[in-house]
Protein backbone atom coordinates (compact mmCIF):
# COMPACT_ATOMS: atom_id res chain seq x y z
CA MET A 1 123.55 144.63 91.39
CA THR A 2 122.12 141.60 92.68
CA SER A 3 121.70 140.23 96.59
CA ARG A 4 123.69 136.34 97.60
CA GLU A 5 120.15 136.40 98.79
CA LEU A 6 118.91 136.40 95.60
CA GLU A 7 121.64 134.58 93.89
CA ALA A 8 120.74 131.92 96.43
CA LEU A 9 117.09 130.77 95.38
CA ALA A 10 117.95 131.41 91.54
CA ARG A 11 120.44 128.88 92.12
CA THR A 12 117.75 126.94 93.78
CA GLY A 13 115.71 127.95 90.05
CA ALA A 14 113.05 129.68 92.57
CA LEU A 15 114.15 133.10 90.96
CA LYS A 16 115.45 133.04 87.10
CA PRO A 17 117.96 134.95 86.20
CA GLU A 18 116.89 137.99 82.67
CA ALA A 19 118.60 140.81 82.21
CA PRO A 20 116.84 144.28 83.07
CA SER A 21 114.63 145.67 80.72
CA ARG A 22 114.08 149.87 80.92
CA ALA A 23 111.06 149.47 78.87
CA GLU A 24 109.54 146.65 81.06
CA TYR A 25 110.33 148.19 84.26
CA ASP A 26 108.16 151.57 82.92
CA GLY A 27 105.97 150.05 81.97
CA LEU A 28 105.31 147.78 84.83
CA VAL A 29 105.43 150.86 86.55
CA ALA A 30 102.55 152.82 84.82
CA LEU A 31 100.76 149.67 84.90
CA GLY A 32 101.06 149.96 88.76
CA GLU A 33 100.41 153.20 89.53
CA THR A 34 97.28 153.65 87.15
CA ARG A 35 95.78 150.24 88.72
CA LEU A 36 96.46 151.85 92.20
CA ALA A 37 95.19 155.32 91.20
CA ASP A 38 92.02 152.93 90.33
CA ALA A 39 91.43 151.46 93.48
CA ARG A 40 91.02 154.09 95.11
CA ARG A 41 87.66 154.87 93.00
CA LYS A 42 85.24 154.21 95.72
CA GLU A 43 82.47 153.96 93.08
CA LEU A 44 83.89 150.36 92.55
CA ALA A 45 82.84 147.49 93.97
CA PRO A 46 85.02 146.48 97.43
CA ALA A 47 86.16 143.07 95.73
CA SER A 48 86.97 144.86 92.67
CA ARG A 49 89.01 147.78 94.46
CA PHE A 50 90.53 145.03 96.06
CA ASP A 51 91.87 143.15 93.40
CA LEU A 52 92.74 146.39 91.80
CA ALA A 53 94.96 146.88 94.47
CA TYR A 54 96.91 143.53 95.25
CA ASN A 55 97.36 143.34 91.35
CA ALA A 56 98.99 147.79 91.37
CA ALA A 57 101.27 146.18 94.18
CA HIS A 58 101.94 143.57 92.07
CA ALA A 59 102.80 144.86 89.83
CA LEU A 60 105.37 147.12 91.71
CA ALA A 61 106.41 144.65 93.07
CA LEU A 62 107.76 142.71 89.67
CA ALA A 63 109.62 146.40 88.40
CA ALA A 64 111.63 146.16 91.24
CA LEU A 65 112.46 142.69 90.73
CA ARG A 66 113.22 142.50 87.39
CA ARG A 67 114.99 145.81 88.10
CA MET A 68 117.66 143.62 89.77
CA GLY A 69 117.48 141.70 87.24
CA PHE A 70 115.02 137.78 88.06
CA ARG A 71 111.78 136.81 87.48
CA ALA A 72 110.13 134.56 89.87
CA GLY A 73 108.93 131.40 89.32
CA THR A 74 105.73 132.22 92.08
CA ARG A 75 103.54 135.05 92.59
CA ARG A 76 104.72 135.26 95.57
CA LEU A 77 108.33 135.01 95.69
CA VAL A 78 107.65 137.95 93.78
CA PHE A 79 106.66 139.77 97.64
CA GLU A 80 108.43 137.67 99.76
CA ALA A 81 111.32 138.61 97.10
CA LEU A 82 110.87 142.16 98.25
CA SER A 83 113.51 142.46 101.30
CA HIS A 84 116.00 142.20 99.23
CA THR A 85 114.21 144.40 95.99
CA SER A 86 113.48 147.50 97.39
CA ALA A 87 113.11 149.36 100.32
CA LEU A 88 109.75 148.30 102.00
CA SER A 89 109.39 148.18 105.65
CA ASP A 90 108.43 144.11 106.20
CA ALA A 91 104.97 145.37 108.25
CA ALA A 92 104.50 146.57 104.33
CA ARG A 93 105.74 143.16 102.65
CA ARG A 94 103.97 140.92 105.23
CA VAL A 95 100.34 143.16 104.20
CA LEU A 96 101.48 142.61 100.85
CA ILE A 97 102.05 138.79 101.84
CA LYS A 98 98.91 138.48 103.19
CA CYS A 99 97.44 139.98 100.88
CA HIS A 100 98.40 137.73 98.09
CA GLU A 101 96.42 134.96 100.03
CA GLN A 102 93.61 136.41 99.73
CA ARG A 103 93.98 137.15 96.08
CA ASN A 104 94.26 133.47 95.83
CA VAL A 105 90.74 132.44 98.36
CA ALA A 106 89.31 134.84 95.74
CA GLU A 107 90.49 132.78 92.97
CA TYR A 108 90.46 129.76 93.85
CA GLU A 109 87.91 129.03 96.49
CA GLY A 110 85.59 132.01 95.13
CA PHE A 111 85.39 133.13 98.35
CA HIS A 112 86.08 137.02 97.79
CA GLU A 113 84.76 138.98 101.40
CA VAL A 114 86.51 142.35 101.73
CA ASP A 115 87.32 143.43 104.46
CA GLU A 116 87.32 147.37 104.28
CA ARG A 117 90.72 147.48 107.26
CA LEU A 118 92.42 145.11 105.49
CA LEU A 119 92.20 146.74 101.94
CA ASP A 120 92.92 150.52 102.99
CA THR A 121 96.01 148.93 105.01
CA LEU A 122 96.77 146.67 101.54
CA LEU A 123 96.46 150.75 99.13
CA ARG A 124 98.88 152.00 101.97
CA ALA A 125 101.80 149.13 101.61
CA ALA A 126 100.63 149.57 98.10
CA ASP A 127 101.63 153.53 97.98
CA GLU A 128 104.79 153.26 99.98
CA LEU A 129 105.70 151.15 97.17
CA ARG A 130 105.56 152.74 94.67
CA ASP A 131 107.28 155.61 97.05
CA ALA A 132 110.58 153.08 97.59
CA LEU A 133 110.34 152.88 93.78
CA ARG A 134 110.94 156.44 93.04
CA ARG A 135 113.61 156.73 95.26
CA LEU A 136 115.56 153.58 93.21
CA THR A 137 117.44 153.92 90.05
CA PRO A 138 115.57 152.39 87.24
CA PRO A 139 117.54 149.58 85.10
CA ASP A 140 119.29 151.23 82.51
CA ARG A 141 119.06 149.25 79.34
CA GLU A 142 116.27 150.11 77.09
CA SER A 143 115.35 146.85 75.47
């Protein structure tokens, strides 16, 4: 159930093999869906909505990676691996990586002016990822 690319990343230490857990997978998907719904709340500040949408996408991307039996050493790698863990389009994957970079600027440099178009694009990419996960078979290990 793994790809050669993911296994190669594991050999370098960028990914750590770990048996998938259905409970963890379900929890990450539920967390992603809840945050994605909250990110659509227009009464929230754009920066809060961006954080919620970004973290929703991260939880969903992590679920896709965990489904394949790996953990990532970095948040960015969780998004980069999406071409091997889901049927997400390259365009949506690039949006998520760009939003990861934007999140890092906000977190580590204190600058967080949210571009509403980027927020809308992030929401669409997260929706696409959620829908891609819904088409996948979850891991069957219950632990």
